[in-house]
Amino acid sequence: MAVDNFIPEIWHAQLLDNLKNALVFGNPNFFNRNYTGDISSFGDTVHINSIGAVTVTDYVKNIDHAAPEQLSDSQMTLVVDQAKMFNFQIDDVDAAQTRPNLQSAAMFEAGF
């Protein structure tokens, strides 16, 4: 005969933070918000100009260097052609009885 009914179950009060930050393309280490002000609504197109690749060579003292290269430009087009949303509800009883705050956790998860 086992005494299984006396073994407690423990529910930790903090949700496990997702380790998605390092995998999300929107991670601050991988993006900028330079064009946020240029985008006002769904369907907008933003043309992003940049400088093309620049050749880097080894420096050798007292040697004549090749003629300088001409810079080239490059352009990307950002088309805002997707709109996303999320929709969830939390029952009043669940909201009152759960720890931590489910709405904050759900909003954080939906942000990914």
PDB file of N, CA and C in Angstrom:
ATOM      1  N   MET A   1       0.848  -1.179   0.000  1.00  0.00           N
ATOM      2  CA  MET A   1       0.000   0.000   0.000  1.00  0.00           C
ATOM      3  C   MET A   1       0.890   1.237   0.000  1.00  0.00           C
ATOM      4  N   ALA A   2       0.612   2.181  -0.876  1.00  0.00           N
ATOM      5  CA  ALA A   2       1.396   3.410  -0.970  1.00  0.00           C
ATOM      6  C   ALA A   2       0.694   4.534  -0.226  1.00  0.00           C
ATOM      7  N   VAL A   3       1.476   5.480   0.207  1.00  0.00           N
ATOM      8  CA  VAL A   3       0.932   6.652   0.913  1.00  0.00           C
ATOM      9  C   VAL A   3       1.066   7.848  -0.025  1.00  0.00           C
ATOM     10  N   ASP A   4       0.388   7.808  -1.149  1.00  0.00           N
ATOM     11  CA  ASP A   4       0.513   8.850  -2.173  1.00  0.00           C
ATOM     12  C   ASP A   4      -0.257  10.119  -1.835  1.00  0.00           C
ATOM     13  N   ASN A   5      -1.285  10.030  -1.048  1.00  0.00           N
ATOM     14  CA  ASN A   5      -2.123  11.195  -0.773  1.00  0.00           C
ATOM     15  C   ASN A   5      -1.445  12.227   0.122  1.00  0.00           C
ATOM     16  N   PHE A   6      -0.366  11.855   0.785  1.00  0.00           N
ATOM     17  CA  PHE A   6       0.293  12.777   1.702  1.00  0.00           C
ATOM     18  C   PHE A   6       1.496  13.485   1.071  1.00  0.00           C
ATOM     19  N   ILE A   7       1.763  13.190  -0.189  1.00  0.00           N
ATOM     20  CA  ILE A   7       2.877  13.854  -0.875  1.00  0.00           C
ATOM     21  C   ILE A   7       2.362  15.181  -1.411  1.00  0.00           C
ATOM     22  N   PRO A   8       2.923  16.304  -0.932  1.00  0.00           N
ATOM     23  CA  PRO A   8       2.398  17.609  -1.343  1.00  0.00           C
ATOM     24  C   PRO A   8       2.799  17.956  -2.778  1.00  0.00           C
ATOM     25  N   GLU A   9       1.958  18.740  -3.408  1.00  0.00           N
ATOM     26  CA  GLU A   9       2.292  19.335  -4.695  1.00  0.00           C
ATOM     27  C   GLU A   9       2.590  20.798  -4.448  1.00  0.00           C
ATOM     28  N   ILE A  10       3.655  21.274  -5.027  1.00  0.00           N
ATOM     29  CA  ILE A  10       4.054  22.660  -4.820  1.00  0.00           C
ATOM     30  C   ILE A  10       3.906  23.410  -6.137  1.00  0.00           C
ATOM     31  N   TRP A  11       3.243  24.549  -6.075  1.00  0.00           N
ATOM     32  CA  TRP A  11       3.042  25.393  -7.241  1.00  0.00           C
ATOM     33  C   TRP A  11       3.842  26.667  -7.010  1.00  0.00           C
ATOM     34  N   HIS A  12       4.879  26.839  -7.771  1.00  0.00           N
ATOM     35  CA  HIS A  12       5.706  28.034  -7.625  1.00  0.00           C
ATOM     36  C   HIS A  12       4.913  29.254  -8.088  1.00  0.00           C
ATOM     37  N   ALA A  13       5.054  30.379  -7.394  1.00  0.00           N
ATOM     38  CA  ALA A  13       4.234  31.557  -7.663  1.00  0.00           C
ATOM     39  C   ALA A  13       4.687  32.346  -8.885  1.00  0.00           C
ATOM     40  N   GLN A  14       5.869  32.096  -9.389  1.00  0.00           N
ATOM     41  CA  GLN A  14       6.364  32.859 -10.539  1.00  0.00           C
ATOM     42  C   GLN A  14       6.344  31.976 -11.775  1.00  0.00           C
ATOM     43  N   LEU A  15       5.872  32.538 -12.885  1.00  0.00           N
ATOM     44  CA  LEU A  15       5.908  31.799 -14.138  1.00  0.00           C
ATOM     45  C   LEU A  15       7.338  31.716 -14.638  1.00  0.00           C
ATOM     46  N   LEU A  16       7.648  30.641 -15.302  1.00  0.00           N
ATOM     47  CA  LEU A  16       8.958  30.507 -15.904  1.00  0.00           C
ATOM     48  C   LEU A  16       9.073  31.517 -17.034  1.00  0.00           C
ATOM     49  N   ASP A  17      10.055  32.389 -16.936  1.00  0.00           N
ATOM     50  CA  ASP A  17      10.263  33.355 -18.008  1.00  0.00           C
ATOM     51  C   ASP A  17      10.720  32.623 -19.250  1.00  0.00           C
ATOM     52  N   ASN A  18      10.092  32.941 -20.343  1.00  0.00           N
ATOM     53  CA  ASN A  18      10.490  32.314 -21.597  1.00  0.00           C
ATOM     54  C   ASN A  18      11.887  32.759 -21.976  1.00  0.00           C
ATOM     55  N   LEU A  19      12.635  31.852 -22.526  1.00  0.00           N
ATOM     56  CA  LEU A  19      13.983  32.156 -22.962  1.00  0.00           C
ATOM     57  C   LEU A  19      13.987  32.561 -24.429  1.00  0.00           C
ATOM     58  N   LYS A  20      12.899  33.178 -24.854  1.00  0.00           N
ATOM     59  CA  LYS A  20      12.737  33.545 -26.248  1.00  0.00           C
ATOM     60  C   LYS A  20      13.487  34.817 -26.621  1.00  0.00           C
ATOM     61  N   ASN A  21      13.869  35.629 -25.652  1.00  0.00           N
ATOM     62  CA  ASN A  21      14.498  36.915 -25.965  1.00  0.00           C
ATOM     63  C   ASN A  21      15.666  36.771 -26.930  1.00  0.00           C
ATOM     64  N   ALA A  22      16.464  35.754 -26.725  1.00  0.00           N
ATOM     65  CA  ALA A  22      17.629  35.587 -27.587  1.00  0.00           C
ATOM     66  C   ALA A  22      17.259  35.087 -28.974  1.00  0.00           C
ATOM     67  N   LEU A  23      16.049  34.584 -29.143  1.00  0.00           N
ATOM     68  CA  LEU A  23      15.644  34.008 -30.416  1.00  0.00           C
ATOM     69  C   LEU A  23      14.717  34.905 -31.224  1.00  0.00           C
ATOM     70  N   VAL A  24      14.273  35.982 -30.642  1.00  0.00           N
ATOM     71  CA  VAL A  24      13.307  36.852 -31.297  1.00  0.00           C
ATOM     72  C   VAL A  24      14.031  37.833 -32.202  1.00  0.00           C
ATOM     73  N   PHE A  25      13.546  37.982 -33.423  1.00  0.00           N
ATOM     74  CA  PHE A  25      14.170  38.894 -34.370  1.00  0.00           C
ATOM     75  C   PHE A  25      14.114  40.329 -33.869  1.00  0.00           C
ATOM     76  N   GLY A  26      13.122  40.669 -33.073  1.00  0.00           N
ATOM     77  CA  GLY A  26      12.984  42.022 -32.537  1.00  0.00           C
ATOM     78  C   GLY A  26      13.865  42.315 -31.344  1.00  0.00           C
ATOM     79  N   ASN A  27      14.765  41.425 -31.005  1.00  0.00           N
ATOM     80  CA  ASN A  27      15.690  41.633 -29.898  1.00  0.00           C
ATOM     81  C   ASN A  27      16.471  42.928 -30.131  1.00  0.00           C
ATOM     82  N   PRO A  28      16.621  43.773 -29.101  1.00  0.00           N
ATOM     83  CA  PRO A  28      17.326  45.048 -29.277  1.00  0.00           C
ATOM     84  C   PRO A  28      18.724  44.921 -29.863  1.00  0.00           C
ATOM     85  N   ASN A  29      19.345  43.764 -29.738  1.00  0.00           N
ATOM     86  CA  ASN A  29      20.665  43.566 -30.322  1.00  0.00           C
ATOM     87  C   ASN A  29      20.618  43.363 -31.827  1.00  0.00           C
ATOM     88  N   PHE A  30      19.412  43.181 -32.385  1.00  0.00           N
ATOM     89  CA  PHE A  30      19.293  42.860 -33.799  1.00  0.00           C
ATOM     90  C   PHE A  30      18.474  43.851 -34.610  1.00  0.00           C
ATOM     91  N   PHE A  31      17.966  44.901 -34.007  1.00  0.00           N
ATOM     92  CA  PHE A  31      17.095  45.789 -34.768  1.00  0.00           C
ATOM     93  C   PHE A  31      17.226  47.229 -34.267  1.00  0.00           C
ATOM     94  N   ASN A  32      16.647  48.140 -35.026  1.00  0.00           N
ATOM     95  CA  ASN A  32      16.518  49.523 -34.580  1.00  0.00           C
ATOM     96  C   ASN A  32      15.098  49.983 -34.880  1.00  0.00           C
ATOM     97  N   ARG A  33      14.739  51.103 -34.329  1.00  0.00           N
ATOM     98  CA  ARG A  33      13.399  51.651 -34.553  1.00  0.00           C
ATOM     99  C   ARG A  33      13.480  52.957 -35.355  1.00  0.00           C
ATOM    100  N   ASN A  34      14.452  53.063 -36.223  1.00  0.00           N
ATOM    101  CA  ASN A  34      14.661  54.291 -36.993  1.00  0.00           C
ATOM    102  C   ASN A  34      13.472  54.657 -37.876  1.00  0.00           C
ATOM    103  N   TYR A  35      12.689  53.688 -38.295  1.00  0.00           N
ATOM    104  CA  TYR A  35      11.648  53.946 -39.284  1.00  0.00           C
ATOM    105  C   TYR A  35      10.249  53.957 -38.680  1.00  0.00           C
ATOM    106  N   THR A  36      10.158  53.865 -37.377  1.00  0.00           N
ATOM    107  CA  THR A  36       8.864  53.820 -36.715  1.00  0.00           C
ATOM    108  C   THR A  36       8.025  55.045 -37.052  1.00  0.00           C
ATOM    109  N   GLY A  37       8.604  56.225 -37.060  1.00  0.00           N
ATOM    110  CA  GLY A  37       7.867  57.445 -37.360  1.00  0.00           C
ATOM    111  C   GLY A  37       7.431  57.556 -38.807  1.00  0.00           C
ATOM    112  N   ASP A  38       8.090  56.819 -39.698  1.00  0.00           N
ATOM    113  CA  ASP A  38       7.733  56.863 -41.119  1.00  0.00           C
ATOM    114  C   ASP A  38       6.537  55.981 -41.442  1.00  0.00           C
ATOM    115  N   ILE A  39       6.226  55.050 -40.573  1.00  0.00           N
ATOM    116  CA  ILE A  39       5.123  54.122 -40.798  1.00  0.00           C
ATOM    117  C   ILE A  39       3.920  54.612 -40.009  1.00  0.00           C
ATOM    118  N   SER A  40       2.844  54.938 -40.710  1.00  0.00           N
ATOM    119  CA  SER A  40       1.670  55.452 -40.006  1.00  0.00           C
ATOM    120  C   SER A  40       0.489  54.510 -40.066  1.00  0.00           C
ATOM    121  N   SER A  41       0.452  53.604 -41.066  1.00  0.00           N
ATOM    122  CA  SER A  41      -0.691  52.698 -41.139  1.00  0.00           C
ATOM    123  C   SER A  41      -0.360  51.486 -42.005  1.00  0.00           C
ATOM    124  N   PHE A  42      -1.253  50.528 -41.949  1.00  0.00           N
ATOM    125  CA  PHE A  42      -1.152  49.323 -42.760  1.00  0.00           C
ATOM    126  C   PHE A  42      -1.082  49.706 -44.235  1.00  0.00           C
ATOM    127  N   GLY A  43      -0.186  49.077 -44.971  1.00  0.00           N
ATOM    128  CA  GLY A  43      -0.065  49.340 -46.401  1.00  0.00           C
ATOM    129  C   GLY A  43       1.022  50.334 -46.757  1.00  0.00           C
ATOM    130  N   ASP A  44       1.628  50.982 -45.755  1.00  0.00           N
ATOM    131  CA  ASP A  44       2.701  51.934 -46.035  1.00  0.00           C
ATOM    132  C   ASP A  44       3.924  51.213 -46.605  1.00  0.00           C
ATOM    133  N   THR A  45       4.723  51.951 -47.368  1.00  0.00           N
ATOM    134  CA  THR A  45       5.984  51.453 -47.901  1.00  0.00           C
ATOM    135  C   THR A  45       7.074  52.448 -47.540  1.00  0.00           C
ATOM    136  N   VAL A  46       8.172  51.948 -47.012  1.00  0.00           N
ATOM    137  CA  VAL A  46       9.303  52.796 -46.646  1.00  0.00           C
ATOM    138  C   VAL A  46      10.515  52.316 -47.429  1.00  0.00           C
ATOM    139  N   HIS A  47      11.175  53.224 -48.126  1.00  0.00           N
ATOM    140  CA  HIS A  47      12.401  52.903 -48.854  1.00  0.00           C
ATOM    141  C   HIS A  47      13.576  53.274 -47.954  1.00  0.00           C
ATOM    142  N   ILE A  48      14.437  52.303 -47.687  1.00  0.00           N
ATOM    143  CA  ILE A  48      15.549  52.479 -46.754  1.00  0.00           C
ATOM    144  C   ILE A  48      16.843  52.463 -47.550  1.00  0.00           C
ATOM    145  N   ASN A  49      17.530  53.589 -47.581  1.00  0.00           N
ATOM    146  CA  ASN A  49      18.791  53.715 -48.318  1.00  0.00           C
ATOM    147  C   ASN A  49      19.965  53.412 -47.401  1.00  0.00           C
ATOM    148  N   SER A  50      21.001  52.824 -47.979  1.00  0.00           N
ATOM    149  CA  SER A  50      22.210  52.547 -47.223  1.00  0.00           C
ATOM    150  C   SER A  50      23.405  52.544 -48.167  1.00  0.00           C
ATOM    151  N   ILE A  51      24.575  52.455 -47.592  1.00  0.00           N
ATOM    152  CA  ILE A  51      25.811  52.380 -48.365  1.00  0.00           C
ATOM    153  C   ILE A  51      26.116  50.910 -48.629  1.00  0.00           C
ATOM    154  N   GLY A  52      26.544  50.597 -49.834  1.00  0.00           N
ATOM    155  CA  GLY A  52      26.917  49.225 -50.163  1.00  0.00           C
ATOM    156  C   GLY A  52      28.180  48.807 -49.422  1.00  0.00           C
ATOM    157  N   ALA A  53      28.594  47.587 -49.634  1.00  0.00           N
ATOM    158  CA  ALA A  53      29.768  47.050 -48.949  1.00  0.00           C
ATOM    159  C   ALA A  53      31.025  47.848 -49.300  1.00  0.00           C
ATOM    160  N   VAL A  54      31.872  48.061 -48.301  1.00  0.00           N
ATOM    161  CA  VAL A  54      33.151  48.747 -48.486  1.00  0.00           C
ATOM    162  C   VAL A  54      34.257  47.707 -48.326  1.00  0.00           C
ATOM    163  N   THR A  55      35.198  47.709 -49.265  1.00  0.00           N
ATOM    164  CA  THR A  55      36.290  46.739 -49.231  1.00  0.00           C
ATOM    165  C   THR A  55      37.312  47.143 -48.172  1.00  0.00           C
ATOM    166  N   VAL A  56      37.717  46.190 -47.358  1.00  0.00           N
ATOM    167  CA  VAL A  56      38.738  46.413 -46.334  1.00  0.00           C
ATOM    168  C   VAL A  56      39.948  45.564 -46.708  1.00  0.00           C
ATOM    169  N   THR A  57      41.115  46.204 -46.761  1.00  0.00           N
ATOM    170  CA  THR A  57      42.341  45.484 -47.117  1.00  0.00           C
ATOM    171  C   THR A  57      43.392  45.680 -46.029  1.00  0.00           C
ATOM    172  N   ASP A  58      44.447  44.895 -46.101  1.00  0.00           N
ATOM    173  CA  ASP A  58      45.538  45.028 -45.135  1.00  0.00           C
ATOM    174  C   ASP A  58      46.352  46.290 -45.427  1.00  0.00           C
ATOM    175  N   TYR A  59      46.775  46.961 -44.363  1.00  0.00           N
ATOM    176  CA  TYR A  59      47.612  48.148 -44.498  1.00  0.00           C
ATOM    177  C   TYR A  59      49.072  47.715 -44.445  1.00  0.00           C
ATOM    178  N   VAL A  60      49.862  48.243 -45.371  1.00  0.00           N
ATOM    179  CA  VAL A  60      51.302  47.997 -45.378  1.00  0.00           C
ATOM    180  C   VAL A  60      51.994  49.346 -45.435  1.00  0.00           C
ATOM    181  N   LYS A  61      52.841  49.598 -44.469  1.00  0.00           N
ATOM    182  CA  LYS A  61      53.535  50.880 -44.352  1.00  0.00           C
ATOM    183  C   LYS A  61      54.474  51.104 -45.544  1.00  0.00           C
ATOM    184  N   ASN A  62      54.503  52.350 -46.033  1.00  0.00           N
ATOM    185  CA  ASN A  62      55.400  52.806 -47.099  1.00  0.00           C
ATOM    186  C   ASN A  62      55.176  52.100 -48.433  1.00  0.00           C
ATOM    187  N   ILE A  63      53.996  51.656 -48.697  1.00  0.00           N
ATOM    188  CA  ILE A  63      53.656  51.012 -49.971  1.00  0.00           C
ATOM    189  C   ILE A  63      52.556  51.835 -50.622  1.00  0.00           C
ATOM    190  N   ASP A  64      52.650  52.025 -51.941  1.00  0.00           N
ATOM    191  CA  ASP A  64      51.581  52.713 -52.648  1.00  0.00           C
ATOM    192  C   ASP A  64      50.325  51.849 -52.616  1.00  0.00           C
ATOM    193  N   HIS A  65      49.206  52.503 -52.370  1.00  0.00           N
ATOM    194  CA  HIS A  65      47.935  51.785 -52.283  1.00  0.00           C
ATOM    195  C   HIS A  65      47.191  51.901 -53.599  1.00  0.00           C
ATOM    196  N   ALA A  66      46.326  50.981 -53.847  1.00  0.00           N
ATOM    197  CA  ALA A  66      45.507  50.988 -55.061  1.00  0.00           C
ATOM    198  C   ALA A  66      44.621  52.230 -55.056  1.00  0.00           C
ATOM    199  N   ALA A  67      44.107  52.557 -56.198  1.00  0.00           N
ATOM    200  CA  ALA A  67      43.194  53.698 -56.313  1.00  0.00           C
ATOM    201  C   ALA A  67      41.973  53.457 -55.416  1.00  0.00           C
ATOM    202  N   PRO A  68      41.454  54.537 -54.856  1.00  0.00           N
ATOM    203  CA  PRO A  68      40.293  54.362 -53.978  1.00  0.00           C
ATOM    204  C   PRO A  68      39.076  53.866 -54.767  1.00  0.00           C
ATOM    205  N   GLU A  69      38.291  53.066 -54.117  1.00  0.00           N
ATOM    206  CA  GLU A  69      37.097  52.552 -54.776  1.00  0.00           C
ATOM    207  C   GLU A  69      35.973  53.582 -54.699  1.00  0.00           C
ATOM    208  N   GLN A  70      35.057  53.494 -55.620  1.00  0.00           N
ATOM    209  CA  GLN A  70      33.884  54.360 -55.587  1.00  0.00           C
ATOM    210  C   GLN A  70      32.807  53.682 -54.741  1.00  0.00           C
ATOM    211  N   LEU A  71      32.176  54.471 -53.903  1.00  0.00           N
ATOM    212  CA  LEU A  71      31.115  53.932 -53.063  1.00  0.00           C
ATOM    213  C   LEU A  71      29.881  53.664 -53.900  1.00  0.00           C
ATOM    214  N   SER A  72      29.132  52.676 -53.496  1.00  0.00           N
ATOM    215  CA  SER A  72      27.868  52.377 -54.154  1.00  0.00           C
ATOM    216  C   SER A  72      26.762  52.448 -53.111  1.00  0.00           C
ATOM    217  N   ASP A  73      25.544  52.627 -53.595  1.00  0.00           N
ATOM    218  CA  ASP A  73      24.435  52.677 -52.656  1.00  0.00           C
ATOM    219  C   ASP A  73      23.627  51.385 -52.741  1.00  0.00           C
ATOM    220  N   SER A  74      22.757  51.234 -51.806  1.00  0.00           N
ATOM    221  CA  SER A  74      21.921  50.051 -51.718  1.00  0.00           C
ATOM    222  C   SER A  74      20.573  50.504 -51.190  1.00  0.00           C
ATOM    223  N   GLN A  75      19.520  49.772 -51.499  1.00  0.00           N
ATOM    224  CA  GLN A  75      18.195  50.151 -51.008  1.00  0.00           C
ATOM    225  C   GLN A  75      17.381  48.912 -50.695  1.00  0.00           C
ATOM    226  N   MET A  76      16.655  48.971 -49.583  1.00  0.00           N
ATOM    227  CA  MET A  76      15.691  47.940 -49.211  1.00  0.00           C
ATOM    228  C   MET A  76      14.325  48.608 -49.158  1.00  0.00           C
ATOM    229  N   THR A  77      13.311  47.836 -49.421  1.00  0.00           N
ATOM    230  CA  THR A  77      11.947  48.334 -49.328  1.00  0.00           C
ATOM    231  C   THR A  77      11.233  47.589 -48.225  1.00  0.00           C
ATOM    232  N   LEU A  78      10.696  48.341 -47.279  1.00  0.00           N
ATOM    233  CA  LEU A  78       9.926  47.778 -46.185  1.00  0.00           C
ATOM    234  C   LEU A  78       8.454  48.046 -46.467  1.00  0.00           C
ATOM    235  N   VAL A  79       7.706  46.977 -46.757  1.00  0.00           N
ATOM    236  CA  VAL A  79       6.278  47.091 -47.030  1.00  0.00           C
ATOM    237  C   VAL A  79       5.519  46.574 -45.811  1.00  0.00           C
ATOM    238  N   VAL A  80       4.680  47.410 -45.258  1.00  0.00           N
ATOM    239  CA  VAL A  80       3.876  47.020 -44.105  1.00  0.00           C
ATOM    240  C   VAL A  80       2.614  46.359 -44.657  1.00  0.00           C
ATOM    241  N   ASP A  81       2.700  45.038 -44.847  1.00  0.00           N
ATOM    242  CA  ASP A  81       1.599  44.312 -45.474  1.00  0.00           C
ATOM    243  C   ASP A  81       1.000  43.240 -44.573  1.00  0.00           C
ATOM    244  N   GLN A  82       1.307  43.311 -43.291  1.00  0.00           N
ATOM    245  CA  GLN A  82       0.744  42.363 -42.343  1.00  0.00           C
ATOM    246  C   GLN A  82       0.226  43.117 -41.135  1.00  0.00           C
ATOM    247  N   ALA A  83      -0.844  42.641 -40.579  1.00  0.00           N
ATOM    248  CA  ALA A  83      -1.386  43.194 -39.334  1.00  0.00           C
ATOM    249  C   ALA A  83      -1.697  42.010 -38.425  1.00  0.00           C
ATOM    250  N   LYS A  84      -1.237  42.073 -37.210  1.00  0.00           N
ATOM    251  CA  LYS A  84      -1.426  40.973 -36.267  1.00  0.00           C
ATOM    252  C   LYS A  84      -2.230  41.455 -35.062  1.00  0.00           C
ATOM    253  N   MET A  85      -2.850  40.516 -34.365  1.00  0.00           N
ATOM    254  CA  MET A  85      -3.603  40.841 -33.159  1.00  0.00           C
ATOM    255  C   MET A  85      -3.611  39.636 -32.237  1.00  0.00           C
ATOM    256  N   PHE A  86      -4.027  39.839 -31.012  1.00  0.00           N
ATOM    257  CA  PHE A  86      -4.304  38.739 -30.107  1.00  0.00           C
ATOM    258  C   PHE A  86      -5.557  39.083 -29.329  1.00  0.00           C
ATOM    259  N   ASN A  87      -6.218  38.060 -28.820  1.00  0.00           N
ATOM    260  CA  ASN A  87      -7.496  38.243 -28.152  1.00  0.00           C
ATOM    261  C   ASN A  87      -7.617  37.140 -27.111  1.00  0.00           C
ATOM    262  N   PHE A  88      -7.610  37.490 -25.841  1.00  0.00           N
ATOM    263  CA  PHE A  88      -7.777  36.498 -24.790  1.00  0.00           C
ATOM    264  C   PHE A  88      -8.609  37.100 -23.671  1.00  0.00           C
ATOM    265  N   GLN A  89      -9.141  36.227 -22.834  1.00  0.00           N
ATOM    266  CA  GLN A  89      -9.870  36.699 -21.668  1.00  0.00           C
ATOM    267  C   GLN A  89      -9.428  35.895 -20.460  1.00  0.00           C
ATOM    268  N   ILE A  90      -9.567  36.486 -19.302  1.00  0.00           N
ATOM    269  CA  ILE A  90      -9.262  35.813 -18.045  1.00  0.00           C
ATOM    270  C   ILE A  90     -10.500  35.938 -17.162  1.00  0.00           C
ATOM    271  N   ASP A  91     -10.985  34.816 -16.732  1.00  0.00           N
ATOM    272  CA  ASP A  91     -12.154  34.799 -15.859  1.00  0.00           C
ATOM    273  C   ASP A  91     -11.852  35.564 -14.572  1.00  0.00           C
ATOM    274  N   ASP A  92     -12.837  36.280 -14.030  1.00  0.00           N
ATOM    275  CA  ASP A  92     -12.644  37.069 -12.805  1.00  0.00           C
ATOM    276  C   ASP A  92     -12.153  36.218 -11.644  1.00  0.00           C
ATOM    277  N   VAL A  93     -12.672  35.019 -11.514  1.00  0.00           N
ATOM    278  CA  VAL A  93     -12.246  34.135 -10.423  1.00  0.00           C
ATOM    279  C   VAL A  93     -10.785  33.731 -10.611  1.00  0.00           C
ATOM    280  N   ASP A  94     -10.419  33.383 -11.847  1.00  0.00           N
ATOM    281  CA  ASP A  94      -9.022  33.039 -12.121  1.00  0.00           C
ATOM    282  C   ASP A  94      -8.104  34.224 -11.854  1.00  0.00           C
ATOM    283  N   ALA A  95      -8.519  35.386 -12.262  1.00  0.00           N
ATOM    284  CA  ALA A  95      -7.706  36.583 -12.045  1.00  0.00           C
ATOM    285  C   ALA A  95      -7.511  36.854 -10.557  1.00  0.00           C
ATOM    286  N   ALA A  96      -8.525  36.588  -9.764  1.00  0.00           N
ATOM    287  CA  ALA A  96      -8.436  36.837  -8.322  1.00  0.00           C
ATOM    288  C   ALA A  96      -7.616  35.778  -7.604  1.00  0.00           C
ATOM    289  N   GLN A  97      -7.618  34.554  -8.098  1.00  0.00           N
ATOM    290  CA  GLN A  97      -7.010  33.459  -7.353  1.00  0.00           C
ATOM    291  C   GLN A  97      -5.612  33.076  -7.817  1.00  0.00           C
ATOM    292  N   THR A  98      -5.182  33.504  -8.966  1.00  0.00           N
ATOM    293  CA  THR A  98      -3.884  33.049  -9.473  1.00  0.00           C
ATOM    294  C   THR A  98      -2.778  34.015  -9.115  1.00  0.00           C
ATOM    295  N   ARG A  99      -1.626  33.430  -8.913  1.00  0.00           N
ATOM    296  CA  ARG A  99      -0.404  34.200  -8.737  1.00  0.00           C
ATOM    297  C   ARG A  99       0.579  33.661  -9.740  1.00  0.00           C
ATOM    298  N   PRO A 100       1.320  34.410 -10.488  1.00  0.00           N
ATOM    299  CA  PRO A 100       1.337  35.860 -10.578  1.00  0.00           C
ATOM    300  C   PRO A 100       0.175  36.366 -11.417  1.00  0.00           C
ATOM    301  N   ASN A 101       0.239  37.631 -11.744  1.00  0.00           N
ATOM    302  CA  ASN A 101      -0.796  38.285 -12.531  1.00  0.00           C
ATOM    303  C   ASN A 101      -0.855  37.653 -13.929  1.00  0.00           C
ATOM    304  N   LEU A 102      -1.932  36.965 -14.227  1.00  0.00           N
ATOM    305  CA  LEU A 102      -2.060  36.284 -15.516  1.00  0.00           C
ATOM    306  C   LEU A 102      -2.095  37.243 -16.691  1.00  0.00           C
ATOM    307  N   GLN A 103      -2.737  38.402 -16.521  1.00  0.00           N
ATOM    308  CA  GLN A 103      -2.832  39.330 -17.645  1.00  0.00           C
ATOM    309  C   GLN A 103      -1.450  39.829 -18.050  1.00  0.00           C
ATOM    310  N   SER A 104      -0.623  40.192 -17.088  1.00  0.00           N
ATOM    311  CA  SER A 104       0.731  40.655 -17.412  1.00  0.00           C
ATOM    312  C   SER A 104       1.520  39.565 -18.119  1.00  0.00           C
ATOM    313  N   ALA A 105       1.428  38.345 -17.617  1.00  0.00           N
ATOM    314  CA  ALA A 105       2.153  37.231 -18.223  1.00  0.00           C
ATOM    315  C   ALA A 105       1.647  36.951 -19.635  1.00  0.00           C
ATOM    316  N   ALA A 106       0.326  36.998 -19.827  1.00  0.00           N
ATOM    317  CA  ALA A 106      -0.240  36.750 -21.154  1.00  0.00           C
ATOM    318  C   ALA A 106       0.142  37.850 -22.138  1.00  0.00           C
ATOM    319  N   MET A 107       0.145  39.086 -21.693  1.00  0.00           N
ATOM    320  CA  MET A 107       0.538  40.202 -22.567  1.00  0.00           C
ATOM    321  C   MET A 107       2.012  40.067 -22.969  1.00  0.00           C
ATOM    322  N   PHE A 108       2.846  39.667 -22.015  1.00  0.00           N
ATOM    323  CA  PHE A 108       4.269  39.466 -22.306  1.00  0.00           C
ATOM    324  C   PHE A 108       4.439  38.360 -23.349  1.00  0.00           C
ATOM    325  N   GLU A 109       3.703  37.252 -23.160  1.00  0.00           N
ATOM    326  CA  GLU A 109       3.778  36.136 -24.104  1.00  0.00           C
ATOM    327  C   GLU A 109       3.262  36.543 -25.474  1.00  0.00           C
ATOM    328  N   ALA A 110       2.169  37.284 -25.514  1.00  0.00           N
ATOM    329  CA  ALA A 110       1.598  37.708 -26.794  1.00  0.00           C
ATOM    330  C   ALA A 110       2.531  38.642 -27.545  1.00  0.00           C
ATOM    331  N   GLY A 111       3.373  39.352 -26.825  1.00  0.00           N
ATOM    332  CA  GLY A 111       4.324  40.254 -27.456  1.00  0.00           C
ATOM    333  C   GLY A 111       5.323  39.538 -28.342  1.00  0.00           C
ATOM    334  N   PHE A 112       5.561  38.276 -28.068  1.00  0.00           N
ATOM    335  CA  PHE A 112       6.473  37.529 -28.903  1.00  0.00           C
ATOM    336  C   PHE A 112       5.806  37.123 -30.191  1.00  0.00           C
TER     337      PHE A 112
END
